[in-house]
Amino acid sequence: MTPDQLLHNLDSLIAAAPEEIQPTAEETAAAELAAKIKHRDSRAWQALGPRTGWPEKYCEAVKTPPHGEKWLAAQGVARERVKKNGIVVLYGKRGGGKTRMAAELAFMVGGSRYRTAMRFFLEVRATFRKGSERSEMDVIDELAKADLLILDEIQERGETPFEDRLLTHVIDARYAANRPTIMIANLTKSELSQALGDSIVSRATENGISIEFNWPSYRSQA
């Protein structure tokens, strides 16, 4: 083949080549997944960042979509109640993914405040110190006005009249403002009512739902 023929063939190949190489189906799927993860990453930071009180591990956890047939079914029930501004009580054995579910719901809402019951009480007690820049009402108002409030580890408290009053006050404030609340407890069904108290149980019965996490663990739902 002469040099002229080689050049002619090369020109023909160049002319016939597509202007842009199309990605394969695998490459397209990988790019779409990366875009979803990046978007979820950004939303996770906004919904569960440091200002919200959420532990960092949950901000990382929600970057990966949840899994598990039973877990996802329970999440769907909880999601509908949150949309209706009700009270959602998640209870059962440790490790079932209760707090992870609350994190997903906070991710959905986009704005939340997360507190363990003990931290909430300690924040209020800290306002009693001389020179404190915050009052008891400042603490309660922050939680009462959040788009979504998560109160975790309800069982980890002294159940004193002081704590009962605070807990009832913030739940009542949110109920009156028509804002959703999630409470989480590592308790059995029989222990739950006693831990929450009559007033909160009454509110939860009127406009709430309780979900028992009775599967072995969240990881086993994979």
N, C-alpha and C. Protein backbone atom coordinates (compact mmCIF):
# COMPACT_ATOMS: atom_id res chain seq x y z
N MET A 1 0.86 -1.19 0.00
CA MET A 1 0.00 0.00 0.00
C MET A 1 0.89 1.24 0.00
N THR A 2 0.58 2.15 -0.92
CA THR A 2 1.40 3.34 -1.06
C THR A 2 1.11 4.33 0.06
N PRO A 3 2.01 5.27 0.29
CA PRO A 3 1.78 6.31 1.31
C PRO A 3 0.49 7.08 1.05
N ASP A 4 0.18 7.34 -0.23
CA ASP A 4 -1.05 8.06 -0.53
C ASP A 4 -2.28 7.26 -0.12
N GLN A 5 -2.22 5.92 -0.38
CA GLN A 5 -3.34 5.07 0.01
C GLN A 5 -3.51 5.02 1.54
N LEU A 6 -2.37 4.98 2.27
CA LEU A 6 -2.42 4.99 3.72
C LEU A 6 -3.07 6.26 4.25
N LEU A 7 -2.67 7.39 3.66
CA LEU A 7 -3.24 8.67 4.08
C LEU A 7 -4.73 8.72 3.77
N HIS A 8 -5.10 8.17 2.60
CA HIS A 8 -6.51 8.17 2.22
C HIS A 8 -7.33 7.33 3.20
N ASN A 9 -6.82 6.15 3.58
CA ASN A 9 -7.51 5.28 4.54
C ASN A 9 -7.64 5.95 5.90
N LEU A 10 -6.54 6.63 6.30
CA LEU A 10 -6.55 7.32 7.59
C LEU A 10 -7.58 8.43 7.60
N ASP A 11 -7.65 9.19 6.50
CA ASP A 11 -8.65 10.26 6.41
C ASP A 11 -10.06 9.71 6.47
N SER A 12 -10.27 8.55 5.82
CA SER A 12 -11.58 7.92 5.83
C SER A 12 -11.98 7.48 7.23
N LEU A 13 -11.02 6.90 7.96
CA LEU A 13 -11.30 6.47 9.33
C LEU A 13 -11.65 7.65 10.23
N ILE A 14 -10.91 8.73 10.07
CA ILE A 14 -11.16 9.93 10.88
C ILE A 14 -12.53 10.50 10.56
N ALA A 15 -12.88 10.52 9.27
CA ALA A 15 -14.18 11.06 8.87
C ALA A 15 -15.33 10.22 9.37
N ALA A 16 -15.09 8.91 9.43
CA ALA A 16 -16.16 8.00 9.86
C ALA A 16 -16.29 7.91 11.37
N ALA A 17 -15.28 8.34 12.09
CA ALA A 17 -15.30 8.23 13.55
C ALA A 17 -16.35 9.18 14.14
N PRO A 18 -17.06 8.75 15.20
CA PRO A 18 -18.04 9.64 15.85
C PRO A 18 -17.35 10.83 16.49
N GLU A 19 -18.09 11.95 16.52
CA GLU A 19 -17.51 13.16 17.10
C GLU A 19 -17.23 12.99 18.59
N GLU A 20 -18.04 12.17 19.25
CA GLU A 20 -17.86 11.96 20.68
C GLU A 20 -18.04 10.48 20.99
N ILE A 21 -17.11 9.92 21.72
CA ILE A 21 -17.20 8.51 22.08
C ILE A 21 -18.25 8.35 23.16
N GLN A 22 -19.27 7.54 22.90
CA GLN A 22 -20.36 7.35 23.84
C GLN A 22 -19.93 6.39 24.96
N PRO A 23 -20.29 6.70 26.19
CA PRO A 23 -19.92 5.82 27.29
C PRO A 23 -20.70 4.50 27.22
N THR A 24 -20.14 3.48 27.82
CA THR A 24 -20.82 2.20 27.89
C THR A 24 -21.94 2.28 28.93
N ALA A 25 -22.81 1.28 28.93
CA ALA A 25 -23.90 1.24 29.91
C ALA A 25 -23.35 1.20 31.32
N GLU A 26 -22.25 0.46 31.52
CA GLU A 26 -21.62 0.37 32.84
C GLU A 26 -21.06 1.72 33.28
N GLU A 27 -20.43 2.43 32.32
CA GLU A 27 -19.88 3.75 32.64
C GLU A 27 -20.98 4.75 32.97
N THR A 28 -22.10 4.68 32.24
CA THR A 28 -23.23 5.57 32.50
C THR A 28 -23.82 5.31 33.88
N ALA A 29 -24.00 4.03 34.23
CA ALA A 29 -24.55 3.66 35.54
C ALA A 29 -23.63 4.12 36.66
N ALA A 30 -22.32 3.96 36.47
CA ALA A 30 -21.35 4.38 37.49
C ALA A 30 -21.39 5.89 37.69
N ALA A 31 -21.52 6.63 36.59
CA ALA A 31 -21.56 8.10 36.68
C ALA A 31 -22.83 8.56 37.38
N GLU A 32 -23.95 7.90 37.08
CA GLU A 32 -25.22 8.27 37.74
C GLU A 32 -25.15 7.98 39.23
N LEU A 33 -24.56 6.84 39.61
CA LEU A 33 -24.42 6.51 41.03
C LEU A 33 -23.54 7.52 41.74
N ALA A 34 -22.44 7.91 41.09
CA ALA A 34 -21.52 8.89 41.69
C ALA A 34 -22.23 10.23 41.91
N ALA A 35 -23.07 10.62 40.94
CA ALA A 35 -23.81 11.88 41.07
C ALA A 35 -24.80 11.82 42.22
N LYS A 36 -25.49 10.65 42.36
CA LYS A 36 -26.44 10.49 43.45
C LYS A 36 -25.74 10.55 44.80
N ILE A 37 -24.58 9.90 44.89
CA ILE A 37 -23.83 9.89 46.15
C ILE A 37 -23.37 11.31 46.50
N LYS A 38 -22.90 12.04 45.48
CA LYS A 38 -22.44 13.41 45.72
C LYS A 38 -23.60 14.28 46.20
N HIS A 39 -24.76 14.12 45.57
CA HIS A 39 -25.94 14.90 45.98
C HIS A 39 -26.37 14.52 47.39
N ARG A 40 -26.35 13.22 47.69
CA ARG A 40 -26.73 12.74 49.02
C ARG A 40 -25.73 13.22 50.06
N ASP A 41 -24.46 13.27 49.67
CA ASP A 41 -23.41 13.76 50.57
C ASP A 41 -23.68 15.21 50.96
N SER A 42 -24.00 16.04 49.98
CA SER A 42 -24.27 17.46 50.24
C SER A 42 -25.50 17.63 51.13
N ARG A 43 -26.56 16.89 50.83
CA ARG A 43 -27.79 17.00 51.62
C ARG A 43 -27.57 16.48 53.05
N ALA A 44 -26.75 15.43 53.16
CA ALA A 44 -26.48 14.86 54.49
C ALA A 44 -25.83 15.90 55.38
N TRP A 45 -24.89 16.67 54.83
CA TRP A 45 -24.19 17.68 55.62
C TRP A 45 -25.17 18.76 56.09
N GLN A 46 -26.09 19.14 55.21
CA GLN A 46 -27.07 20.17 55.57
C GLN A 46 -28.06 19.66 56.62
N ALA A 47 -28.47 18.41 56.47
CA ALA A 47 -29.52 17.86 57.34
C ALA A 47 -29.01 17.35 58.67
N LEU A 48 -27.75 16.87 58.70
CA LEU A 48 -27.23 16.24 59.90
C LEU A 48 -25.85 16.76 60.29
N GLY A 49 -25.53 17.98 59.87
CA GLY A 49 -24.23 18.56 60.19
C GLY A 49 -24.08 18.89 61.67
N PRO A 50 -22.92 19.41 62.06
CA PRO A 50 -22.61 19.65 63.48
C PRO A 50 -23.64 20.50 64.24
N ARG A 51 -24.23 21.48 63.59
CA ARG A 51 -25.17 22.38 64.29
C ARG A 51 -26.42 21.65 64.75
N THR A 52 -26.70 20.48 64.17
CA THR A 52 -27.94 19.76 64.49
C THR A 52 -27.82 18.91 65.74
N GLY A 53 -26.59 18.61 66.15
CA GLY A 53 -26.39 17.75 67.30
C GLY A 53 -26.23 16.28 66.94
N TRP A 54 -26.36 15.94 65.67
CA TRP A 54 -26.21 14.55 65.26
C TRP A 54 -24.77 14.10 65.38
N PRO A 55 -24.52 12.88 65.88
CA PRO A 55 -23.16 12.33 65.87
C PRO A 55 -22.67 12.21 64.43
N GLU A 56 -21.39 12.43 64.24
CA GLU A 56 -20.82 12.45 62.89
C GLU A 56 -21.06 11.15 62.13
N LYS A 57 -21.08 10.02 62.84
CA LYS A 57 -21.20 8.73 62.15
C LYS A 57 -22.52 8.61 61.40
N TYR A 58 -23.57 9.30 61.87
CA TYR A 58 -24.85 9.21 61.16
C TYR A 58 -24.87 10.11 59.94
N CYS A 59 -24.14 11.20 59.99
CA CYS A 59 -23.99 12.05 58.81
C CYS A 59 -23.30 11.26 57.71
N GLU A 60 -22.35 10.42 58.09
CA GLU A 60 -21.67 9.55 57.13
C GLU A 60 -22.57 8.41 56.69
N ALA A 61 -23.33 7.85 57.63
CA ALA A 61 -24.15 6.67 57.34
C ALA A 61 -25.20 6.94 56.28
N VAL A 62 -25.84 8.12 56.33
CA VAL A 62 -26.94 8.37 55.39
C VAL A 62 -26.45 8.66 53.98
N LYS A 63 -25.15 8.74 53.79
CA LYS A 63 -24.64 8.91 52.43
C LYS A 63 -24.83 7.63 51.62
N THR A 64 -25.06 6.52 52.32
CA THR A 64 -25.36 5.25 51.67
C THR A 64 -26.83 4.92 51.87
N PRO A 65 -27.57 4.64 50.81
CA PRO A 65 -29.00 4.33 50.97
C PRO A 65 -29.22 3.16 51.92
N PRO A 66 -30.30 3.19 52.71
CA PRO A 66 -30.58 2.11 53.67
C PRO A 66 -31.03 0.84 52.96
N HIS A 67 -31.15 -0.24 53.73
CA HIS A 67 -31.50 -1.53 53.15
C HIS A 67 -32.34 -2.35 54.14
N GLY A 68 -32.83 -3.47 53.67
CA GLY A 68 -33.59 -4.40 54.53
C GLY A 68 -35.08 -4.28 54.31
N GLU A 69 -35.73 -5.36 53.94
CA GLU A 69 -37.16 -5.32 53.62
C GLU A 69 -38.00 -4.86 54.80
N LYS A 70 -37.82 -5.48 55.97
CA LYS A 70 -38.61 -5.10 57.14
C LYS A 70 -38.29 -3.68 57.58
N TRP A 71 -37.01 -3.35 57.56
CA TRP A 71 -36.58 -2.02 57.99
C TRP A 71 -37.18 -0.95 57.09
N LEU A 72 -37.11 -1.17 55.78
CA LEU A 72 -37.62 -0.19 54.83
C LEU A 72 -39.14 -0.06 54.93
N ALA A 73 -39.82 -1.18 55.20
CA ALA A 73 -41.27 -1.12 55.38
C ALA A 73 -41.62 -0.28 56.61
N ALA A 74 -40.87 -0.48 57.69
CA ALA A 74 -41.09 0.30 58.91
C ALA A 74 -40.77 1.78 58.67
N GLN A 75 -39.73 2.03 57.89
CA GLN A 75 -39.37 3.42 57.58
C GLN A 75 -40.49 4.12 56.82
N GLY A 76 -41.13 3.38 55.91
CA GLY A 76 -42.24 3.96 55.16
C GLY A 76 -43.39 4.38 56.06
N VAL A 77 -43.69 3.56 57.06
CA VAL A 77 -44.74 3.89 58.03
C VAL A 77 -44.35 5.13 58.83
N ALA A 78 -43.10 5.15 59.31
CA ALA A 78 -42.62 6.29 60.10
C ALA A 78 -42.60 7.56 59.26
N ARG A 79 -42.18 7.44 58.01
CA ARG A 79 -42.10 8.61 57.13
C ARG A 79 -43.47 9.28 56.95
N GLU A 80 -44.51 8.46 56.76
CA GLU A 80 -45.85 9.02 56.58
C GLU A 80 -46.33 9.74 57.83
N ARG A 81 -45.98 9.22 59.00
CA ARG A 81 -46.38 9.87 60.24
C ARG A 81 -45.63 11.19 60.43
N VAL A 82 -44.35 11.21 60.08
CA VAL A 82 -43.57 12.45 60.17
C VAL A 82 -44.16 13.50 59.23
N LYS A 83 -44.56 13.09 58.04
CA LYS A 83 -45.15 14.03 57.09
C LYS A 83 -46.44 14.64 57.63
N LYS A 84 -47.11 13.87 58.51
CA LYS A 84 -48.35 14.37 59.11
C LYS A 84 -48.08 15.08 60.44
N ASN A 85 -46.80 15.35 60.71
CA ASN A 85 -46.39 16.10 61.91
C ASN A 85 -46.77 15.39 63.21
N GLY A 86 -46.72 14.08 63.19
CA GLY A 86 -47.06 13.32 64.38
C GLY A 86 -45.85 12.94 65.22
N ILE A 87 -46.10 12.12 66.22
CA ILE A 87 -45.06 11.59 67.10
C ILE A 87 -44.75 10.16 66.68
N VAL A 88 -43.48 9.87 66.51
CA VAL A 88 -43.05 8.52 66.14
C VAL A 88 -42.18 7.98 67.27
N VAL A 89 -42.56 6.83 67.80
CA VAL A 89 -41.78 6.19 68.86
C VAL A 89 -41.16 4.92 68.28
N LEU A 90 -39.84 4.88 68.28
CA LEU A 90 -39.10 3.71 67.79
C LEU A 90 -38.53 3.00 69.01
N TYR A 91 -38.89 1.74 69.21
CA TYR A 91 -38.44 1.04 70.41
C TYR A 91 -38.08 -0.41 70.09
N GLY A 92 -37.35 -1.01 71.02
CA GLY A 92 -36.95 -2.40 70.85
C GLY A 92 -35.50 -2.60 71.25
N LYS A 93 -34.96 -3.76 70.88
CA LYS A 93 -33.60 -4.11 71.27
C LYS A 93 -32.58 -3.20 70.58
N ARG A 94 -31.41 -3.13 71.17
CA ARG A 94 -30.31 -2.38 70.57
C ARG A 94 -29.89 -3.03 69.25
N GLY A 95 -29.39 -2.19 68.35
CA GLY A 95 -28.81 -2.71 67.12
C GLY A 95 -29.77 -2.89 65.98
N GLY A 96 -31.04 -2.54 66.19
CA GLY A 96 -32.03 -2.74 65.13
C GLY A 96 -32.07 -1.65 64.09
N GLY A 97 -31.33 -0.57 64.30
CA GLY A 97 -31.31 0.53 63.32
C GLY A 97 -32.31 1.63 63.61
N LYS A 98 -32.66 1.81 64.88
CA LYS A 98 -33.64 2.84 65.25
C LYS A 98 -33.10 4.24 64.98
N THR A 99 -31.90 4.51 65.46
CA THR A 99 -31.33 5.85 65.26
C THR A 99 -31.00 6.08 63.80
N ARG A 100 -30.58 5.03 63.10
CA ARG A 100 -30.33 5.16 61.66
C ARG A 100 -31.61 5.55 60.93
N MET A 101 -32.73 4.97 61.33
CA MET A 101 -34.00 5.33 60.71
C MET A 101 -34.35 6.79 60.99
N ALA A 102 -34.13 7.21 62.21
CA ALA A 102 -34.37 8.62 62.55
C ALA A 102 -33.49 9.54 61.72
N ALA A 103 -32.25 9.11 61.47
CA ALA A 103 -31.34 9.91 60.65
C ALA A 103 -31.85 10.02 59.22
N GLU A 104 -32.38 8.93 58.69
CA GLU A 104 -32.96 8.96 57.34
C GLU A 104 -34.16 9.90 57.28
N LEU A 105 -34.96 9.91 58.33
CA LEU A 105 -36.12 10.80 58.36
C LEU A 105 -35.69 12.26 58.49
N ALA A 106 -34.63 12.49 59.25
CA ALA A 106 -34.07 13.84 59.34
C ALA A 106 -33.51 14.28 57.99
N PHE A 107 -32.90 13.34 57.30
CA PHE A 107 -32.38 13.59 55.95
C PHE A 107 -33.52 13.98 55.02
N MET A 108 -34.66 13.32 55.16
CA MET A 108 -35.82 13.62 54.34
C MET A 108 -36.37 15.01 54.63
N VAL A 109 -36.49 15.34 55.91
CA VAL A 109 -37.06 16.63 56.31
C VAL A 109 -36.11 17.77 55.95
N GLY A 110 -34.81 17.54 56.15
CA GLY A 110 -33.82 18.55 55.79
C GLY A 110 -33.37 19.46 56.91
N GLY A 111 -34.08 19.46 58.02
CA GLY A 111 -33.69 20.27 59.17
C GLY A 111 -34.13 19.58 60.44
N SER A 112 -33.21 19.38 61.38
CA SER A 112 -33.57 18.65 62.59
C SER A 112 -32.68 19.07 63.75
N ARG A 113 -33.07 18.60 64.92
CA ARG A 113 -32.22 18.68 66.10
C ARG A 113 -32.22 17.30 66.74
N TYR A 114 -31.03 16.83 67.07
CA TYR A 114 -30.88 15.51 67.69
C TYR A 114 -30.31 15.70 69.09
N ARG A 115 -30.96 15.07 70.06
CA ARG A 115 -30.44 15.06 71.42
C ARG A 115 -30.73 13.69 72.05
N THR A 116 -29.79 13.21 72.84
CA THR A 116 -30.15 12.12 73.74
C THR A 116 -30.93 12.77 74.88
N ALA A 117 -31.75 11.99 75.55
CA ALA A 117 -32.52 12.54 76.67
C ALA A 117 -31.58 13.11 77.72
N MET A 118 -30.51 12.39 78.00
CA MET A 118 -29.58 12.84 79.02
C MET A 118 -28.92 14.16 78.64
N ARG A 119 -28.54 14.30 77.37
CA ARG A 119 -27.91 15.55 76.95
C ARG A 119 -28.89 16.71 77.06
N PHE A 120 -30.13 16.47 76.72
CA PHE A 120 -31.15 17.51 76.84
C PHE A 120 -31.25 18.00 78.28
N PHE A 121 -31.32 17.06 79.21
CA PHE A 121 -31.44 17.44 80.62
C PHE A 121 -30.18 18.16 81.10
N LEU A 122 -29.02 17.70 80.65
CA LEU A 122 -27.78 18.35 81.07
C LEU A 122 -27.66 19.76 80.51
N GLU A 123 -28.15 19.96 79.28
CA GLU A 123 -28.13 21.30 78.69
C GLU A 123 -29.00 22.26 79.51
N VAL A 124 -30.14 21.77 79.94
CA VAL A 124 -31.02 22.60 80.77
C VAL A 124 -30.36 22.90 82.11
N ARG A 125 -29.79 21.88 82.73
CA ARG A 125 -29.13 22.08 84.03
C ARG A 125 -27.97 23.07 83.92
N ALA A 126 -27.29 23.07 82.78
CA ALA A 126 -26.15 23.97 82.58
C ALA A 126 -26.58 25.43 82.60
N THR A 127 -27.84 25.70 82.27
CA THR A 127 -28.32 27.09 82.27
C THR A 127 -28.47 27.64 83.67
N PHE A 128 -28.47 26.76 84.67
CA PHE A 128 -28.62 27.21 86.05
C PHE A 128 -27.31 27.74 86.64
N ARG A 129 -26.22 27.51 85.92
CA ARG A 129 -24.92 27.97 86.42
C ARG A 129 -24.81 29.50 86.35
N LYS A 130 -24.12 30.04 87.28
CA LYS A 130 -23.91 31.48 87.30
C LYS A 130 -23.15 31.91 86.05
N GLY A 131 -23.64 32.92 85.39
CA GLY A 131 -22.97 33.43 84.19
C GLY A 131 -23.38 32.74 82.91
N SER A 132 -24.31 31.79 82.98
CA SER A 132 -24.74 31.09 81.76
C SER A 132 -25.39 32.08 80.79
N GLU A 133 -25.05 31.97 79.51
CA GLU A 133 -25.60 32.86 78.51
C GLU A 133 -26.94 32.36 77.97
N ARG A 134 -27.33 31.15 78.37
CA ARG A 134 -28.58 30.59 77.90
C ARG A 134 -29.52 30.35 79.09
N SER A 135 -30.80 30.49 78.84
CA SER A 135 -31.80 30.20 79.86
C SER A 135 -32.42 28.83 79.57
N GLU A 136 -33.17 28.34 80.53
CA GLU A 136 -33.88 27.07 80.33
C GLU A 136 -34.79 27.15 79.11
N MET A 137 -35.46 28.30 78.93
CA MET A 137 -36.36 28.45 77.81
C MET A 137 -35.62 28.51 76.49
N ASP A 138 -34.38 29.02 76.49
CA ASP A 138 -33.58 29.04 75.25
C ASP A 138 -33.36 27.61 74.75
N VAL A 139 -33.03 26.72 75.67
CA VAL A 139 -32.80 25.32 75.31
C VAL A 139 -34.08 24.69 74.78
N ILE A 140 -35.16 24.90 75.50
CA ILE A 140 -36.44 24.30 75.11
C ILE A 140 -36.93 24.88 73.79
N ASP A 141 -36.79 26.19 73.60
CA ASP A 141 -37.25 26.82 72.36
C ASP A 141 -36.50 26.30 71.14
N GLU A 142 -35.19 26.08 71.29
CA GLU A 142 -34.41 25.56 70.16
C GLU A 142 -34.97 24.22 69.71
N LEU A 143 -35.29 23.37 70.66
CA LEU A 143 -35.80 22.05 70.32
C LEU A 143 -37.27 22.10 69.90
N ALA A 144 -38.01 23.00 70.49
CA ALA A 144 -39.44 23.11 70.17
C ALA A 144 -39.66 23.63 68.76
N LYS A 145 -38.74 24.44 68.25
CA LYS A 145 -38.92 25.09 66.96
C LYS A 145 -38.26 24.34 65.79
N ALA A 146 -37.52 23.29 66.09
CA ALA A 146 -36.85 22.54 65.02
C ALA A 146 -37.87 21.90 64.08
N ASP A 147 -37.51 21.78 62.81
CA ASP A 147 -38.42 21.14 61.85
C ASP A 147 -38.74 19.71 62.28
N LEU A 148 -37.74 19.04 62.82
CA LEU A 148 -37.92 17.67 63.33
C LEU A 148 -37.03 17.52 64.55
N LEU A 149 -37.58 16.98 65.63
CA LEU A 149 -36.80 16.73 66.84
C LEU A 149 -36.67 15.23 67.06
N ILE A 150 -35.44 14.80 67.33
CA ILE A 150 -35.18 13.41 67.67
C ILE A 150 -34.66 13.37 69.09
N LEU A 151 -35.36 12.66 69.96
CA LEU A 151 -34.93 12.44 71.34
C LEU A 151 -34.57 10.97 71.48
N ASP A 152 -33.29 10.70 71.63
CA ASP A 152 -32.78 9.33 71.65
C ASP A 152 -32.50 8.88 73.08
N GLU A 153 -32.43 7.56 73.24
CA GLU A 153 -32.07 6.95 74.53
C GLU A 153 -32.96 7.45 75.67
N ILE A 154 -34.24 7.40 75.42
CA ILE A 154 -35.21 7.85 76.42
C ILE A 154 -35.06 7.08 77.73
N GLN A 155 -34.61 5.83 77.62
CA GLN A 155 -34.48 5.00 78.83
C GLN A 155 -33.33 5.44 79.72
N GLU A 156 -32.40 6.24 79.19
CA GLU A 156 -31.23 6.65 79.96
C GLU A 156 -31.50 7.95 80.71
N ARG A 157 -32.40 7.89 81.66
CA ARG A 157 -32.70 9.08 82.47
C ARG A 157 -33.21 8.65 83.83
N GLY A 158 -33.26 9.60 84.76
CA GLY A 158 -33.62 9.28 86.12
C GLY A 158 -35.10 9.18 86.38
N GLU A 159 -35.92 9.64 85.39
CA GLU A 159 -37.38 9.65 85.54
C GLU A 159 -37.79 10.42 86.80
N THR A 160 -37.11 11.53 87.06
CA THR A 160 -37.47 12.39 88.17
C THR A 160 -38.59 13.34 87.73
N PRO A 161 -39.30 13.95 88.68
CA PRO A 161 -40.34 14.92 88.30
C PRO A 161 -39.78 16.05 87.43
N PHE A 162 -38.55 16.48 87.73
CA PHE A 162 -37.90 17.54 86.94
C PHE A 162 -37.74 17.12 85.49
N GLU A 163 -37.23 15.92 85.27
CA GLU A 163 -37.01 15.43 83.91
C GLU A 163 -38.34 15.18 83.20
N ASP A 164 -39.30 14.63 83.94
CA ASP A 164 -40.62 14.39 83.35
C ASP A 164 -41.25 15.70 82.89
N ARG A 165 -41.09 16.74 83.72
CA ARG A 165 -41.66 18.04 83.38
C ARG A 165 -41.03 18.60 82.11
N LEU A 166 -39.71 18.53 82.01
CA LEU A 166 -39.01 19.04 80.84
C LEU A 166 -39.41 18.29 79.57
N LEU A 167 -39.42 16.98 79.68
CA LEU A 167 -39.75 16.16 78.52
C LEU A 167 -41.17 16.43 78.05
N THR A 168 -42.09 16.48 79.00
CA THR A 168 -43.49 16.75 78.66
C THR A 168 -43.64 18.14 78.06
N HIS A 169 -42.92 19.10 78.60
CA HIS A 169 -43.01 20.48 78.12
C HIS A 169 -42.59 20.60 76.66
N VAL A 170 -41.47 20.00 76.30
CA VAL A 170 -40.98 20.14 74.92
C VAL A 170 -41.87 19.36 73.95
N ILE A 171 -42.38 18.21 74.38
CA ILE A 171 -43.29 17.44 73.52
C ILE A 171 -44.59 18.21 73.31
N ASP A 172 -45.11 18.80 74.39
CA ASP A 172 -46.35 19.57 74.28
C ASP A 172 -46.17 20.80 73.39
N ALA A 173 -45.00 21.45 73.51
CA ALA A 173 -44.72 22.63 72.68
C ALA A 173 -44.70 22.26 71.21
N ARG A 174 -44.10 21.14 70.89
CA ARG A 174 -44.04 20.70 69.50
C ARG A 174 -45.42 20.24 69.01
N TYR A 175 -46.15 19.61 69.88
CA TYR A 175 -47.51 19.17 69.53
C TYR A 175 -48.37 20.40 69.20
N ALA A 176 -48.27 21.43 70.02
CA ALA A 176 -49.06 22.64 69.80
C ALA A 176 -48.64 23.35 68.51
N ALA A 177 -47.35 23.27 68.17
CA ALA A 177 -46.83 23.93 66.97
C ALA A 177 -46.98 23.05 65.72
N ASN A 178 -47.55 21.86 65.88
CA ASN A 178 -47.77 20.94 64.76
C ASN A 178 -46.45 20.56 64.08
N ARG A 179 -45.46 20.17 64.91
CA ARG A 179 -44.17 19.75 64.39
C ARG A 179 -43.89 18.31 64.80
N PRO A 180 -43.28 17.52 63.92
CA PRO A 180 -43.06 16.09 64.21
C PRO A 180 -41.92 15.85 65.20
N THR A 181 -42.07 14.79 65.96
CA THR A 181 -41.07 14.41 66.95
C THR A 181 -40.83 12.91 66.88
N ILE A 182 -39.58 12.51 67.00
CA ILE A 182 -39.23 11.10 67.05
C ILE A 182 -38.58 10.81 68.40
N MET A 183 -39.07 9.79 69.09
CA MET A 183 -38.47 9.36 70.33
C MET A 183 -37.98 7.93 70.17
N ILE A 184 -36.80 7.67 70.71
CA ILE A 184 -36.16 6.37 70.54
C ILE A 184 -35.85 5.78 71.91
N ALA A 185 -36.17 4.51 72.07
CA ALA A 185 -35.94 3.86 73.37
C ALA A 185 -35.54 2.41 73.17
N ASN A 186 -34.53 1.98 73.91
CA ASN A 186 -34.14 0.58 73.92
C ASN A 186 -34.92 -0.12 75.03
N LEU A 187 -36.22 -0.24 74.79
CA LEU A 187 -37.13 -0.78 75.80
C LEU A 187 -38.09 -1.77 75.15
N THR A 188 -38.68 -2.61 75.98
CA THR A 188 -39.74 -3.48 75.51
C THR A 188 -41.05 -2.70 75.50
N LYS A 189 -42.07 -3.27 74.90
CA LYS A 189 -43.36 -2.59 74.83
C LYS A 189 -43.93 -2.34 76.21
N SER A 190 -43.77 -3.30 77.11
CA SER A 190 -44.32 -3.17 78.46
C SER A 190 -43.59 -2.09 79.26
N GLU A 191 -42.31 -1.85 78.95
CA GLU A 191 -41.53 -0.84 79.66
C GLU A 191 -41.75 0.57 79.11
N LEU A 192 -42.23 0.64 77.88
CA LEU A 192 -42.29 1.92 77.17
C LEU A 192 -43.22 2.93 77.81
N SER A 193 -44.45 2.52 78.12
CA SER A 193 -45.43 3.46 78.69
C SER A 193 -44.96 4.04 80.01
N GLN A 194 -44.36 3.22 80.82
CA GLN A 194 -43.87 3.69 82.12
C GLN A 194 -42.76 4.72 81.94
N ALA A 195 -41.89 4.49 80.95
CA ALA A 195 -40.77 5.41 80.74
C ALA A 195 -41.22 6.75 80.18
N LEU A 196 -42.26 6.75 79.33
CA LEU A 196 -42.69 7.98 78.68
C LEU A 196 -43.60 8.82 79.57
N GLY A 197 -44.41 8.18 80.38
CA GLY A 197 -45.34 8.93 81.23
C GLY A 197 -46.69 9.09 80.55
N ASP A 198 -47.72 9.29 81.36
CA ASP A 198 -49.10 9.33 80.86
C ASP A 198 -49.34 10.45 79.85
N SER A 199 -48.78 11.63 80.10
CA SER A 199 -49.04 12.77 79.22
C SER A 199 -48.50 12.52 77.82
N ILE A 200 -47.26 12.05 77.74
CA ILE A 200 -46.65 11.81 76.43
C ILE A 200 -47.32 10.64 75.72
N VAL A 201 -47.66 9.61 76.48
CA VAL A 201 -48.37 8.47 75.89
C VAL A 201 -49.70 8.94 75.29
N SER A 202 -50.37 9.85 75.98
CA SER A 202 -51.64 10.37 75.49
C SER A 202 -51.45 11.12 74.18
N ARG A 203 -50.40 11.96 74.10
CA ARG A 203 -50.11 12.69 72.86
C ARG A 203 -49.77 11.73 71.73
N ALA A 204 -48.96 10.73 72.05
CA ALA A 204 -48.52 9.77 71.03
C ALA A 204 -49.70 8.94 70.53
N THR A 205 -50.63 8.63 71.41
CA THR A 205 -51.81 7.86 71.02
C THR A 205 -52.71 8.67 70.10
N GLU A 206 -52.80 9.96 70.39
CA GLU A 206 -53.69 10.83 69.62
C GLU A 206 -53.17 11.10 68.21
N ASN A 207 -51.87 11.34 68.08
CA ASN A 207 -51.33 11.72 66.78
C ASN A 207 -49.96 11.09 66.56
N GLY A 208 -49.86 9.82 66.88
CA GLY A 208 -48.55 9.19 66.74
C GLY A 208 -48.63 7.73 66.41
N ILE A 209 -47.46 7.13 66.36
CA ILE A 209 -47.37 5.71 66.06
C ILE A 209 -46.11 5.17 66.73
N SER A 210 -46.17 3.93 67.17
CA SER A 210 -45.00 3.29 67.74
C SER A 210 -44.61 2.10 66.87
N ILE A 211 -43.32 1.93 66.67
CA ILE A 211 -42.81 0.86 65.82
C ILE A 211 -41.81 0.04 66.62
N GLU A 212 -42.07 -1.24 66.72
CA GLU A 212 -41.16 -2.13 67.45
C GLU A 212 -40.12 -2.70 66.50
N PHE A 213 -38.87 -2.57 66.87
CA PHE A 213 -37.77 -3.13 66.08
C PHE A 213 -37.48 -4.52 66.64
N ASN A 214 -38.14 -5.51 66.04
CA ASN A 214 -38.07 -6.86 66.60
C ASN A 214 -37.23 -7.81 65.74
N TRP A 215 -36.44 -7.25 64.81
CA TRP A 215 -35.52 -8.09 64.07
C TRP A 215 -34.16 -8.10 64.77
N PRO A 216 -33.33 -9.10 64.51
CA PRO A 216 -32.06 -9.25 65.27
C PRO A 216 -31.15 -8.03 65.20
N SER A 217 -30.93 -7.49 64.01
CA SER A 217 -30.06 -6.32 63.87
C SER A 217 -30.28 -5.68 62.53
N TYR A 218 -29.87 -4.40 62.43
CA TYR A 218 -30.01 -3.70 61.14
C TYR A 218 -29.12 -4.35 60.10
N ARG A 219 -27.91 -4.74 60.49
CA ARG A 219 -26.99 -5.35 59.53
C ARG A 219 -27.54 -6.64 58.96
N SER A 220 -28.30 -7.38 59.76
CA SER A 220 -28.85 -8.65 59.28
C SER A 220 -29.95 -8.44 58.25
N GLN A 221 -30.41 -7.19 58.12
CA GLN A 221 -31.46 -6.90 57.14
C GLN A 221 -30.90 -6.75 55.73
N ALA A 222 -29.57 -6.77 55.59
CA ALA A 222 -28.96 -6.57 54.27
C ALA A 222 -29.37 -7.68 53.31
